[in-house]
């Protein structure tokens, strides 16, 4: 039989995620992913337009 610790934790007190995963970090990570995704799409779109119109995308 397994030994029990001195204090039992309630079922609702078990941590499903690590302690460092906070709501603020999740929101900031999601925002960063969206910004990077939109930025990547924007750069690819700018290069595609530059290629289509034979212009320099940097200028």
PDB file of N, CA and C in Angstrom:
ATOM      1  N   UNK A   1       0.836  -1.175   0.000  1.00  0.00           N
ATOM      2  CA  UNK A   1       0.000   0.000   0.000  1.00  0.00           C
ATOM      3  C   UNK A   1       0.884   1.243   0.000  1.00  0.00           C
ATOM      4  N   UNK A   2       0.501   2.209  -0.761  1.00  0.00           N
ATOM      5  CA  UNK A   2       1.289   3.429  -0.858  1.00  0.00           C
ATOM      6  C   UNK A   2       1.148   4.244   0.414  1.00  0.00           C
ATOM      7  N   UNK A   3       2.222   4.878   0.774  1.00  0.00           N
ATOM      8  CA  UNK A   3       2.164   5.726   1.963  1.00  0.00           C
ATOM      9  C   UNK A   3       1.539   7.061   1.604  1.00  0.00           C
ATOM     10  N   UNK A   4       0.772   7.585   2.508  1.00  0.00           N
ATOM     11  CA  UNK A   4       0.099   8.861   2.288  1.00  0.00           C
ATOM     12  C   UNK A   4       0.897   9.983   2.938  1.00  0.00           C
ATOM     13  N   UNK A   5       0.873  11.120   2.321  1.00  0.00           N
ATOM     14  CA  UNK A   5       1.519  12.277   2.935  1.00  0.00           C
ATOM     15  C   UNK A   5       0.651  12.770   4.078  1.00  0.00           C
ATOM     16  N   UNK A   6       1.199  13.672   4.848  1.00  0.00           N
ATOM     17  CA  UNK A   6       0.466  14.150   6.013  1.00  0.00           C
ATOM     18  C   UNK A   6      -0.812  14.875   5.635  1.00  0.00           C
ATOM     19  N   UNK A   7      -0.753  15.646   4.569  1.00  0.00           N
ATOM     20  CA  UNK A   7      -1.941  16.398   4.176  1.00  0.00           C
ATOM     21  C   UNK A   7      -2.377  15.947   2.796  1.00  0.00           C
ATOM     22  N   UNK A   8      -3.611  15.631   2.675  1.00  0.00           N
ATOM     23  CA  UNK A   8      -4.158  15.275   1.369  1.00  0.00           C
ATOM     24  C   UNK A   8      -4.616  16.538   0.670  1.00  0.00           C
ATOM     25  N   UNK A   9      -4.370  16.571  -0.626  1.00  0.00           N
ATOM     26  CA  UNK A   9      -4.833  17.716  -1.407  1.00  0.00           C
ATOM     27  C   UNK A   9      -6.169  17.373  -2.033  1.00  0.00           C
ATOM     28  N   UNK A  10      -7.007  18.378  -2.113  1.00  0.00           N
ATOM     29  CA  UNK A  10      -8.294  18.175  -2.776  1.00  0.00           C
ATOM     30  C   UNK A  10      -8.057  17.954  -4.249  1.00  0.00           C
ATOM     31  N   UNK A  11      -8.983  17.265  -4.877  1.00  0.00           N
ATOM     32  CA  UNK A  11      -8.853  16.980  -6.306  1.00  0.00           C
ATOM     33  C   UNK A  11      -8.764  18.273  -7.113  1.00  0.00           C
ATOM     34  N   UNK A  12      -9.448  19.319  -6.692  1.00  0.00           N
ATOM     35  CA  UNK A  12      -9.445  20.580  -7.427  1.00  0.00           C
ATOM     36  C   UNK A  12      -8.122  21.335  -7.271  1.00  0.00           C
ATOM     37  N   UNK A  13      -7.265  20.896  -6.374  1.00  0.00           N
ATOM     38  CA  UNK A  13      -6.013  21.600  -6.127  1.00  0.00           C
ATOM     39  C   UNK A  13      -4.851  21.056  -6.954  1.00  0.00           C
ATOM     40  N   UNK A  14      -5.061  19.971  -7.691  1.00  0.00           N
ATOM     41  CA  UNK A  14      -3.990  19.453  -8.531  1.00  0.00           C
ATOM     42  C   UNK A  14      -3.734  20.427  -9.670  1.00  0.00           C
ATOM     43  N   UNK A  15      -2.478  20.603 -10.018  1.00  0.00           N
ATOM     44  CA  UNK A  15      -2.118  21.537 -11.075  1.00  0.00           C
ATOM     45  C   UNK A  15      -2.090  20.815 -12.413  1.00  0.00           C
ATOM     46  N   UNK A  16      -2.938  21.247 -13.325  1.00  0.00           N
ATOM     47  CA  UNK A  16      -2.951  20.657 -14.659  1.00  0.00           C
ATOM     48  C   UNK A  16      -1.809  21.220 -15.497  1.00  0.00           C
ATOM     49  N   UNK A  17      -1.456  22.461 -15.255  1.00  0.00           N
ATOM     50  CA  UNK A  17      -0.371  23.125 -15.978  1.00  0.00           C
ATOM     51  C   UNK A  17       0.733  23.491 -14.991  1.00  0.00           C
ATOM     52  N   UNK A  18       1.954  23.654 -15.486  1.00  0.00           N
ATOM     53  CA  UNK A  18       3.029  24.109 -14.595  1.00  0.00           C
ATOM     54  C   UNK A  18       2.709  25.472 -13.993  1.00  0.00           C
ATOM     55  N   UNK A  19       3.351  25.754 -12.898  1.00  0.00           N
ATOM     56  CA  UNK A  19       3.060  26.990 -12.173  1.00  0.00           C
ATOM     57  C   UNK A  19       3.424  28.242 -12.973  1.00  0.00           C
ATOM     58  N   UNK A  20       4.441  28.147 -13.854  1.00  0.00           N
ATOM     59  CA  UNK A  20       4.888  29.314 -14.613  1.00  0.00           C
ATOM     60  C   UNK A  20       3.953  29.653 -15.764  1.00  0.00           C
ATOM     61  N   UNK A  21       2.985  28.778 -16.087  1.00  0.00           N
ATOM     62  CA  UNK A  21       2.017  29.071 -17.154  1.00  0.00           C
ATOM     63  C   UNK A  21       0.881  29.884 -16.529  1.00  0.00           C
ATOM     64  N   UNK A  22       1.000  31.190 -16.652  1.00  0.00           N
ATOM     65  CA  UNK A  22      -0.020  32.073 -16.091  1.00  0.00           C
ATOM     66  C   UNK A  22      -0.915  32.600 -17.211  1.00  0.00           C
ATOM     67  N   UNK A  23      -2.017  33.174 -16.844  1.00  0.00           N
ATOM     68  CA  UNK A  23      -2.950  33.721 -17.829  1.00  0.00           C
ATOM     69  C   UNK A  23      -2.289  34.825 -18.649  1.00  0.00           C
ATOM     70  N   UNK A  24      -1.504  35.667 -17.980  1.00  0.00           N
ATOM     71  CA  UNK A  24      -0.825  36.766 -18.666  1.00  0.00           C
ATOM     72  C   UNK A  24       0.154  36.227 -19.708  1.00  0.00           C
ATOM     73  N   UNK A  25       0.911  35.204 -19.361  1.00  0.00           N
ATOM     74  CA  UNK A  25       1.876  34.634 -20.308  1.00  0.00           C
ATOM     75  C   UNK A  25       1.185  33.955 -21.478  1.00  0.00           C
ATOM     76  N   UNK A  26       0.061  33.313 -21.224  1.00  0.00           N
ATOM     77  CA  UNK A  26      -0.683  32.671 -22.312  1.00  0.00           C
ATOM     78  C   UNK A  26      -1.201  33.730 -23.280  1.00  0.00           C
ATOM     79  N   UNK A  27      -1.760  34.817 -22.747  1.00  0.00           N
ATOM     80  CA  UNK A  27      -2.293  35.889 -23.592  1.00  0.00           C
ATOM     81  C   UNK A  27      -1.173  36.546 -24.392  1.00  0.00           C
ATOM     82  N   UNK A  28      -0.042  36.834 -23.735  1.00  0.00           N
ATOM     83  CA  UNK A  28       1.085  37.451 -24.438  1.00  0.00           C
ATOM     84  C   UNK A  28       1.645  36.531 -25.516  1.00  0.00           C
ATOM     85  N   UNK A  29       1.688  35.239 -25.241  1.00  0.00           N
ATOM     86  CA  UNK A  29       2.171  34.281 -26.238  1.00  0.00           C
ATOM     87  C   UNK A  29       1.235  34.231 -27.434  1.00  0.00           C
ATOM     88  N   UNK A  30      -0.065  34.211 -27.188  1.00  0.00           N
ATOM     89  CA  UNK A  30      -1.026  34.193 -28.291  1.00  0.00           C
ATOM     90  C   UNK A  30      -0.932  35.471 -29.128  1.00  0.00           C
ATOM     91  N   UNK A  31      -0.779  36.611 -28.464  1.00  0.00           N
ATOM     92  CA  UNK A  31      -0.633  37.871 -29.198  1.00  0.00           C
ATOM     93  C   UNK A  31       0.634  37.849 -30.045  1.00  0.00           C
ATOM     94  N   UNK A  32       1.733  37.354 -29.473  1.00  0.00           N
ATOM     95  CA  UNK A  32       2.994  37.289 -30.219  1.00  0.00           C
ATOM     96  C   UNK A  32       2.875  36.371 -31.429  1.00  0.00           C
ATOM     97  N   UNK A  33       2.190  35.245 -31.269  1.00  0.00           N
ATOM     98  CA  UNK A  33       2.012  34.312 -32.391  1.00  0.00           C
ATOM     99  C   UNK A  33       1.193  34.968 -33.497  1.00  0.00           C
ATOM    100  N   UNK A  34       0.141  35.684 -33.130  1.00  0.00           N
ATOM    101  CA  UNK A  34      -0.696  36.354 -34.131  1.00  0.00           C
ATOM    102  C   UNK A  34       0.099  37.451 -34.842  1.00  0.00           C
ATOM    103  N   UNK A  35       0.859  38.245 -34.088  1.00  0.00           N
ATOM    104  CA  UNK A  35       1.643  39.331 -34.692  1.00  0.00           C
ATOM    105  C   UNK A  35       2.686  38.772 -35.649  1.00  0.00           C
ATOM    106  N   UNK A  36       3.372  37.713 -35.254  1.00  0.00           N
ATOM    107  CA  UNK A  36       4.381  37.106 -36.129  1.00  0.00           C
ATOM    108  C   UNK A  36       3.722  36.526 -37.375  1.00  0.00           C
ATOM    109  N   UNK A  37       2.585  35.871 -37.204  1.00  0.00           N
ATOM    110  CA  UNK A  37       1.879  35.297 -38.353  1.00  0.00           C
ATOM    111  C   UNK A  37       1.418  36.354 -39.335  1.00  0.00           C
ATOM    112  N   UNK A  38       0.827  37.423 -38.822  1.00  0.00           N
ATOM    113  CA  UNK A  38       0.360  38.504 -39.693  1.00  0.00           C
ATOM    114  C   UNK A  38       1.549  39.208 -40.344  1.00  0.00           C
ATOM    115  N   UNK A  39       2.616  39.405 -39.594  1.00  0.00           N
ATOM    116  CA  UNK A  39       3.812  40.027 -40.149  1.00  0.00           C
ATOM    117  C   UNK A  39       4.430  39.196 -41.257  1.00  0.00           C
ATOM    118  N   UNK A  40       4.478  37.896 -41.043  1.00  0.00           N
ATOM    119  CA  UNK A  40       5.026  37.008 -42.074  1.00  0.00           C
ATOM    120  C   UNK A  40       4.163  37.063 -43.334  1.00  0.00           C
ATOM    121  N   UNK A  41       2.859  37.034 -43.160  1.00  0.00           N
ATOM    122  CA  UNK A  41       1.957  37.123 -44.306  1.00  0.00           C
ATOM    123  C   UNK A  41       2.133  38.460 -45.025  1.00  0.00           C
ATOM    124  N   UNK A  42       2.275  39.539 -44.259  1.00  0.00           N
ATOM    125  CA  UNK A  42       2.449  40.860 -44.858  1.00  0.00           C
ATOM    126  C   UNK A  42       3.724  40.965 -45.673  1.00  0.00           C
ATOM    127  N   UNK A  43       4.812  40.423 -45.159  1.00  0.00           N
ATOM    128  CA  UNK A  43       6.081  40.464 -45.892  1.00  0.00           C
ATOM    129  C   UNK A  43       5.981  39.638 -47.164  1.00  0.00           C
ATOM    130  N   UNK A  44       5.411  38.454 -47.057  1.00  0.00           N
ATOM    131  CA  UNK A  44       5.265  37.610 -48.251  1.00  0.00           C
ATOM    132  C   UNK A  44       4.369  38.291 -49.288  1.00  0.00           C
ATOM    133  N   UNK A  45       3.317  38.954 -48.825  1.00  0.00           N
ATOM    134  CA  UNK A  45       2.408  39.653 -49.723  1.00  0.00           C
ATOM    135  C   UNK A  45       3.113  40.822 -50.411  1.00  0.00           C
ATOM    136  N   UNK A  46       3.927  41.555 -49.649  1.00  0.00           N
ATOM    137  CA  UNK A  46       4.667  42.679 -50.228  1.00  0.00           C
ATOM    138  C   UNK A  46       5.648  42.189 -51.288  1.00  0.00           C
ATOM    139  N   UNK A  47       6.342  41.095 -51.018  1.00  0.00           N
ATOM    140  CA  UNK A  47       7.274  40.547 -52.008  1.00  0.00           C
ATOM    141  C   UNK A  47       6.535  40.022 -53.236  1.00  0.00           C
ATOM    142  N   UNK A  48       5.361  39.447 -53.029  1.00  0.00           N
ATOM    143  CA  UNK A  48       4.581  38.952 -54.166  1.00  0.00           C
ATOM    144  C   UNK A  48       4.108  40.114 -55.044  1.00  0.00           C
ATOM    145  N   UNK A  49       3.647  41.196 -54.419  1.00  0.00           N
ATOM    146  CA  UNK A  49       3.240  42.369 -55.190  1.00  0.00           C
ATOM    147  C   UNK A  49       4.425  42.978 -55.932  1.00  0.00           C
ATOM    148  N   UNK A  50       5.569  43.034 -55.264  1.00  0.00           N
ATOM    149  CA  UNK A  50       6.762  43.583 -55.912  1.00  0.00           C
ATOM    150  C   UNK A  50       7.167  42.723 -57.100  1.00  0.00           C
ATOM    151  N   UNK A  51       7.049  41.425 -56.954  1.00  0.00           N
ATOM    152  CA  UNK A  51       7.383  40.531 -58.060  1.00  0.00           C
ATOM    153  C   UNK A  51       6.383  40.705 -59.210  1.00  0.00           C
ATOM    154  N   UNK A  52       5.119  40.842 -58.863  1.00  0.00           N
ATOM    155  CA  UNK A  52       4.088  40.971 -59.893  1.00  0.00           C
ATOM    156  C   UNK A  52       4.237  42.275 -60.681  1.00  0.00           C
ATOM    157  N   UNK A  53       4.629  43.353 -60.001  1.00  0.00           N
ATOM    158  CA  UNK A  53       4.740  44.651 -60.668  1.00  0.00           C
ATOM    159  C   UNK A  53       6.183  45.025 -61.006  1.00  0.00           C
ATOM    160  N   UNK A  54       7.105  44.080 -60.843  1.00  0.00           N
ATOM    161  CA  UNK A  54       8.516  44.275 -61.194  1.00  0.00           C
ATOM    162  C   UNK A  54       9.112  45.511 -60.523  1.00  0.00           C
ATOM    163  N   UNK A  55       8.876  45.602 -59.222  1.00  0.00           N
ATOM    164  CA  UNK A  55       9.433  46.712 -58.454  1.00  0.00           C
ATOM    165  C   UNK A  55      10.271  46.157 -57.314  1.00  0.00           C
ATOM    166  N   UNK A  56      10.989  47.060 -56.658  1.00  0.00           N
ATOM    167  CA  UNK A  56      11.817  46.685 -55.522  1.00  0.00           C
ATOM    168  C   UNK A  56      10.957  46.763 -54.255  1.00  0.00           C
ATOM    169  N   UNK A  57      10.801  45.675 -53.501  1.00  0.00           N
ATOM    170  CA  UNK A  57       9.927  45.712 -52.325  1.00  0.00           C
ATOM    171  C   UNK A  57      10.497  46.540 -51.175  1.00  0.00           C
ATOM    172  N   UNK A  58      11.802  46.776 -51.184  1.00  0.00           N
ATOM    173  CA  UNK A  58      12.426  47.513 -50.086  1.00  0.00           C
ATOM    174  C   UNK A  58      12.183  49.013 -50.219  1.00  0.00           C
ATOM    175  N   UNK A  59      12.109  49.494 -51.442  1.00  0.00           N
ATOM    176  CA  UNK A  59      11.959  50.939 -51.645  1.00  0.00           C
ATOM    177  C   UNK A  59      10.517  51.376 -51.512  1.00  0.00           C
TER     178      UNK A  59
END
